Amino acid sequence: MANAEALVLWKKEDKERVARNNKVHCKHKEAMTVWEEAHKATRAAKKCFTLKKPMLGVIEKGTTQPTGPKHAEMASDGKQNDKEDDDDD
């Protein structure tokens, strides 16, 4: 059951990350539209356009999807429990 809880938490965090990345993409797209209009106007006036293109910005990378009991323990405790892994005797 802990793995299912970890998966639900991961899905929630992933949706939030995707929403934040979409905001970054929307801002960049708007900035590119303004830049392209200014570029076209300057070129139509046969002048030199010196403004650089807007940069995209920081896009957050996703975390791996939790699979198996190790990920469930890490999600619930916040850190990995190495004690159980060392009991190979």
N, C-alpha and C. Protein backbone atom coordinates (compact mmCIF):
# COMPACT_ATOMS: atom_id res chain seq x y z
N MET A 1 0.82 -1.19 0.00
CA MET A 1 0.00 0.00 0.00
C MET A 1 0.86 1.26 0.00
N ALA A 2 2.06 1.16 0.56
CA ALA A 2 2.95 2.33 0.62
C ALA A 2 3.41 2.74 -0.77
N ASN A 3 3.57 1.76 -1.67
CA ASN A 3 3.97 2.08 -3.03
C ASN A 3 2.89 2.88 -3.73
N ALA A 4 1.63 2.55 -3.48
CA ALA A 4 0.53 3.28 -4.09
C ALA A 4 0.50 4.73 -3.59
N GLU A 5 0.79 4.91 -2.30
CA GLU A 5 0.83 6.26 -1.75
C GLU A 5 1.97 7.06 -2.36
N ALA A 6 3.10 6.41 -2.57
CA ALA A 6 4.25 7.08 -3.19
C ALA A 6 3.93 7.47 -4.62
N LEU A 7 3.20 6.60 -5.32
CA LEU A 7 2.83 6.89 -6.70
C LEU A 7 1.86 8.07 -6.77
N VAL A 8 0.91 8.13 -5.86
CA VAL A 8 -0.05 9.24 -5.82
C VAL A 8 0.69 10.55 -5.55
N LEU A 9 1.63 10.52 -4.61
CA LEU A 9 2.42 11.71 -4.30
C LEU A 9 3.26 12.13 -5.50
N TRP A 10 3.87 11.17 -6.18
CA TRP A 10 4.69 11.46 -7.36
C TRP A 10 3.84 12.09 -8.46
N LYS A 11 2.64 11.54 -8.70
CA LYS A 11 1.76 12.09 -9.73
C LYS A 11 1.38 13.53 -9.43
N LYS A 12 1.09 13.81 -8.16
CA LYS A 12 0.72 15.17 -7.76
C LYS A 12 1.88 16.13 -8.00
N GLU A 13 3.08 15.74 -7.57
CA GLU A 13 4.26 16.59 -7.75
C GLU A 13 4.59 16.76 -9.23
N ASP A 14 4.40 15.72 -10.03
CA ASP A 14 4.69 15.79 -11.46
C ASP A 14 3.73 16.75 -12.16
N LYS A 15 2.45 16.72 -11.79
CA LYS A 15 1.48 17.64 -12.39
C LYS A 15 1.83 19.09 -12.05
N GLU A 16 2.26 19.33 -10.81
CA GLU A 16 2.66 20.68 -10.41
C GLU A 16 3.88 21.13 -11.19
N ARG A 17 4.84 20.22 -11.40
CA ARG A 17 6.05 20.55 -12.16
C ARG A 17 5.71 20.88 -13.61
N VAL A 18 4.82 20.09 -14.19
CA VAL A 18 4.41 20.33 -15.58
C VAL A 18 3.72 21.69 -15.70
N ALA A 19 2.89 22.04 -14.72
CA ALA A 19 2.21 23.33 -14.75
C ALA A 19 3.21 24.48 -14.67
N ARG A 20 4.23 24.34 -13.80
CA ARG A 20 5.26 25.38 -13.70
C ARG A 20 6.04 25.50 -15.00
N ASN A 21 6.37 24.36 -15.63
CA ASN A 21 7.10 24.39 -16.90
C ASN A 21 6.26 25.00 -18.00
N ASN A 22 4.96 24.74 -17.99
CA ASN A 22 4.08 25.34 -19.00
C ASN A 22 4.03 26.85 -18.86
N LYS A 23 4.08 27.38 -17.63
CA LYS A 23 4.11 28.83 -17.43
C LYS A 23 5.38 29.42 -18.02
N VAL A 24 6.51 28.73 -17.83
CA VAL A 24 7.78 29.20 -18.39
C VAL A 24 7.70 29.23 -19.91
N HIS A 25 7.12 28.19 -20.51
CA HIS A 25 6.99 28.12 -21.97
C HIS A 25 6.07 29.23 -22.49
N CYS A 26 4.98 29.50 -21.78
CA CYS A 26 4.05 30.56 -22.20
C CYS A 26 4.72 31.93 -22.17
N LYS A 27 5.47 32.21 -21.11
CA LYS A 27 6.17 33.49 -21.01
C LYS A 27 7.19 33.63 -22.14
N HIS A 28 7.89 32.54 -22.44
CA HIS A 28 8.88 32.58 -23.51
C HIS A 28 8.21 32.80 -24.86
N LYS A 29 7.08 32.15 -25.08
CA LYS A 29 6.37 32.30 -26.35
C LYS A 29 5.90 33.74 -26.54
N GLU A 30 5.40 34.37 -25.47
CA GLU A 30 4.97 35.77 -25.55
C GLU A 30 6.16 36.68 -25.84
N ALA A 31 7.28 36.43 -25.17
CA ALA A 31 8.47 37.23 -25.39
C ALA A 31 8.98 37.07 -26.82
N MET A 32 8.92 35.86 -27.36
CA MET A 32 9.35 35.62 -28.74
C MET A 32 8.44 36.34 -29.72
N THR A 33 7.14 36.40 -29.45
CA THR A 33 6.21 37.10 -30.33
C THR A 33 6.55 38.59 -30.39
N VAL A 34 6.81 39.18 -29.21
CA VAL A 34 7.19 40.60 -29.16
C VAL A 34 8.51 40.82 -29.90
N TRP A 35 9.47 39.93 -29.68
CA TRP A 35 10.77 40.05 -30.34
C TRP A 35 10.63 39.96 -31.86
N GLU A 36 9.82 39.01 -32.33
CA GLU A 36 9.66 38.83 -33.78
C GLU A 36 9.01 40.05 -34.42
N GLU A 37 8.02 40.64 -33.73
CA GLU A 37 7.38 41.84 -34.27
C GLU A 37 8.37 43.00 -34.36
N ALA A 38 9.17 43.17 -33.32
CA ALA A 38 10.18 44.23 -33.33
C ALA A 38 11.22 43.97 -34.41
N HIS A 39 11.59 42.71 -34.58
CA HIS A 39 12.58 42.34 -35.60
C HIS A 39 12.04 42.64 -37.00
N LYS A 40 10.80 42.27 -37.26
CA LYS A 40 10.20 42.54 -38.58
C LYS A 40 10.09 44.03 -38.86
N ALA A 41 9.69 44.79 -37.84
CA ALA A 41 9.55 46.24 -38.02
C ALA A 41 10.91 46.89 -38.30
N THR A 42 11.92 46.45 -37.61
CA THR A 42 13.26 47.01 -37.81
C THR A 42 13.80 46.63 -39.18
N ARG A 43 13.58 45.40 -39.59
CA ARG A 43 14.07 44.97 -40.91
C ARG A 43 13.30 45.66 -42.03
N ALA A 44 12.01 45.93 -41.80
CA ALA A 44 11.22 46.64 -42.81
C ALA A 44 11.73 48.07 -42.99
N ALA A 45 12.23 48.65 -41.91
CA ALA A 45 12.80 49.99 -41.98
C ALA A 45 14.24 49.97 -42.46
N LYS A 46 14.73 48.79 -42.81
CA LYS A 46 16.10 48.59 -43.30
C LYS A 46 17.14 49.11 -42.32
N LYS A 47 16.92 48.76 -41.05
CA LYS A 47 17.86 49.12 -40.01
C LYS A 47 18.46 47.84 -39.44
N CYS A 48 19.48 48.01 -38.63
CA CYS A 48 20.14 46.86 -38.01
C CYS A 48 19.44 46.53 -36.68
N PHE A 49 19.06 45.30 -36.50
CA PHE A 49 18.38 44.86 -35.28
C PHE A 49 19.40 44.18 -34.39
N THR A 50 19.59 44.70 -33.17
CA THR A 50 20.66 44.20 -32.31
C THR A 50 20.18 43.47 -31.07
N LEU A 51 18.89 43.39 -30.82
CA LEU A 51 18.40 42.69 -29.63
C LEU A 51 18.53 41.19 -29.81
N LYS A 52 18.99 40.52 -28.75
CA LYS A 52 19.11 39.06 -28.79
C LYS A 52 17.73 38.42 -28.59
N LYS A 53 17.60 37.22 -29.08
CA LYS A 53 16.36 36.47 -28.86
C LYS A 53 16.20 36.16 -27.38
N PRO A 54 14.96 36.17 -26.89
CA PRO A 54 14.74 35.81 -25.49
C PRO A 54 15.09 34.34 -25.25
N MET A 55 15.68 34.08 -24.10
CA MET A 55 16.05 32.71 -23.75
C MET A 55 14.88 32.04 -23.04
N LEU A 56 14.80 30.73 -23.15
CA LEU A 56 13.68 29.98 -22.61
C LEU A 56 13.62 30.03 -21.10
N GLY A 57 14.70 29.90 -20.42
CA GLY A 57 14.68 29.89 -18.95
C GLY A 57 14.87 28.48 -18.43
N VAL A 58 14.70 28.33 -17.13
CA VAL A 58 14.97 27.06 -16.47
C VAL A 58 13.73 26.17 -16.53
N ILE A 59 13.92 24.98 -17.05
CA ILE A 59 12.87 23.97 -17.09
C ILE A 59 13.23 22.90 -16.07
N GLU A 60 12.29 22.59 -15.19
CA GLU A 60 12.55 21.60 -14.15
C GLU A 60 12.52 20.19 -14.74
N LYS A 61 13.47 19.39 -14.34
CA LYS A 61 13.50 17.99 -14.76
C LYS A 61 12.58 17.18 -13.86
N GLY A 62 12.01 16.15 -14.41
CA GLY A 62 11.13 15.29 -13.63
C GLY A 62 11.90 14.26 -12.84
N THR A 63 11.28 13.77 -11.80
CA THR A 63 11.87 12.69 -11.02
C THR A 63 11.36 11.37 -11.58
N THR A 64 12.06 10.30 -11.29
CA THR A 64 11.65 9.01 -11.81
C THR A 64 10.40 8.53 -11.09
N GLN A 65 9.60 7.79 -11.82
CA GLN A 65 8.37 7.25 -11.25
C GLN A 65 8.70 6.17 -10.23
N PRO A 66 8.07 6.22 -9.06
CA PRO A 66 8.39 5.22 -8.03
C PRO A 66 7.92 3.83 -8.43
N THR A 67 8.81 2.87 -8.28
CA THR A 67 8.47 1.47 -8.54
C THR A 67 9.09 0.63 -7.45
N GLY A 68 8.36 -0.27 -6.91
CA GLY A 68 8.88 -1.18 -5.90
C GLY A 68 8.88 -0.60 -4.51
N PRO A 69 9.22 -1.44 -3.54
CA PRO A 69 9.15 -1.03 -2.13
C PRO A 69 10.22 -0.04 -1.71
N LYS A 70 11.38 0.01 -2.38
CA LYS A 70 12.43 0.94 -1.98
C LYS A 70 11.96 2.38 -2.14
N HIS A 71 11.29 2.66 -3.25
CA HIS A 71 10.80 4.02 -3.49
C HIS A 71 9.72 4.37 -2.49
N ALA A 72 8.91 3.42 -2.11
CA ALA A 72 7.84 3.68 -1.15
C ALA A 72 8.43 4.04 0.20
N GLU A 73 9.50 3.36 0.61
CA GLU A 73 10.15 3.67 1.89
C GLU A 73 10.78 5.05 1.84
N MET A 74 11.41 5.39 0.73
CA MET A 74 12.06 6.69 0.60
C MET A 74 11.02 7.80 0.63
N ALA A 75 9.88 7.59 0.00
CA ALA A 75 8.85 8.62 -0.04
C ALA A 75 8.23 8.83 1.34
N SER A 76 8.07 7.76 2.10
CA SER A 76 7.44 7.90 3.41
C SER A 76 8.41 8.44 4.46
N ASP A 77 9.67 8.01 4.42
CA ASP A 77 10.65 8.44 5.42
C ASP A 77 11.40 9.70 5.01
N GLY A 78 11.52 9.94 3.72
CA GLY A 78 12.30 11.06 3.23
C GLY A 78 13.75 10.69 3.00
N LYS A 79 14.18 9.52 3.47
CA LYS A 79 15.54 9.03 3.22
C LYS A 79 15.50 7.51 3.17
N GLN A 80 16.51 6.97 2.54
CA GLN A 80 16.54 5.52 2.33
C GLN A 80 16.95 4.80 3.60
N ASN A 81 16.35 3.65 3.83
CA ASN A 81 16.67 2.85 5.01
C ASN A 81 17.68 1.79 4.59
N ASP A 82 18.98 2.04 4.86
CA ASP A 82 20.06 1.14 4.45
C ASP A 82 20.16 -0.07 5.38
N LYS A 83 19.60 -0.01 6.55
CA LYS A 83 19.71 -1.08 7.52
C LYS A 83 19.11 -2.38 7.00
N GLU A 84 18.00 -2.30 6.30
CA GLU A 84 17.35 -3.49 5.78
C GLU A 84 18.13 -4.09 4.60
N ASP A 85 18.82 -3.26 3.85
CA ASP A 85 19.57 -3.73 2.69
C ASP A 85 20.83 -4.49 3.07
N ASP A 86 21.39 -4.23 4.25
CA ASP A 86 22.64 -4.85 4.67
C ASP A 86 22.44 -6.23 5.31
N ASP A 87 21.23 -6.67 5.54
CA ASP A 87 20.97 -7.95 6.20
C ASP A 87 20.94 -9.10 5.19
N ASP A 88 22.13 -9.44 4.63
CA ASP A 88 22.23 -10.51 3.65
C ASP A 88 22.71 -11.80 4.29
N ASP A 89 22.94 -11.85 5.60
CA ASP A 89 23.49 -13.04 6.28
C ASP A 89 22.50 -14.16 6.26
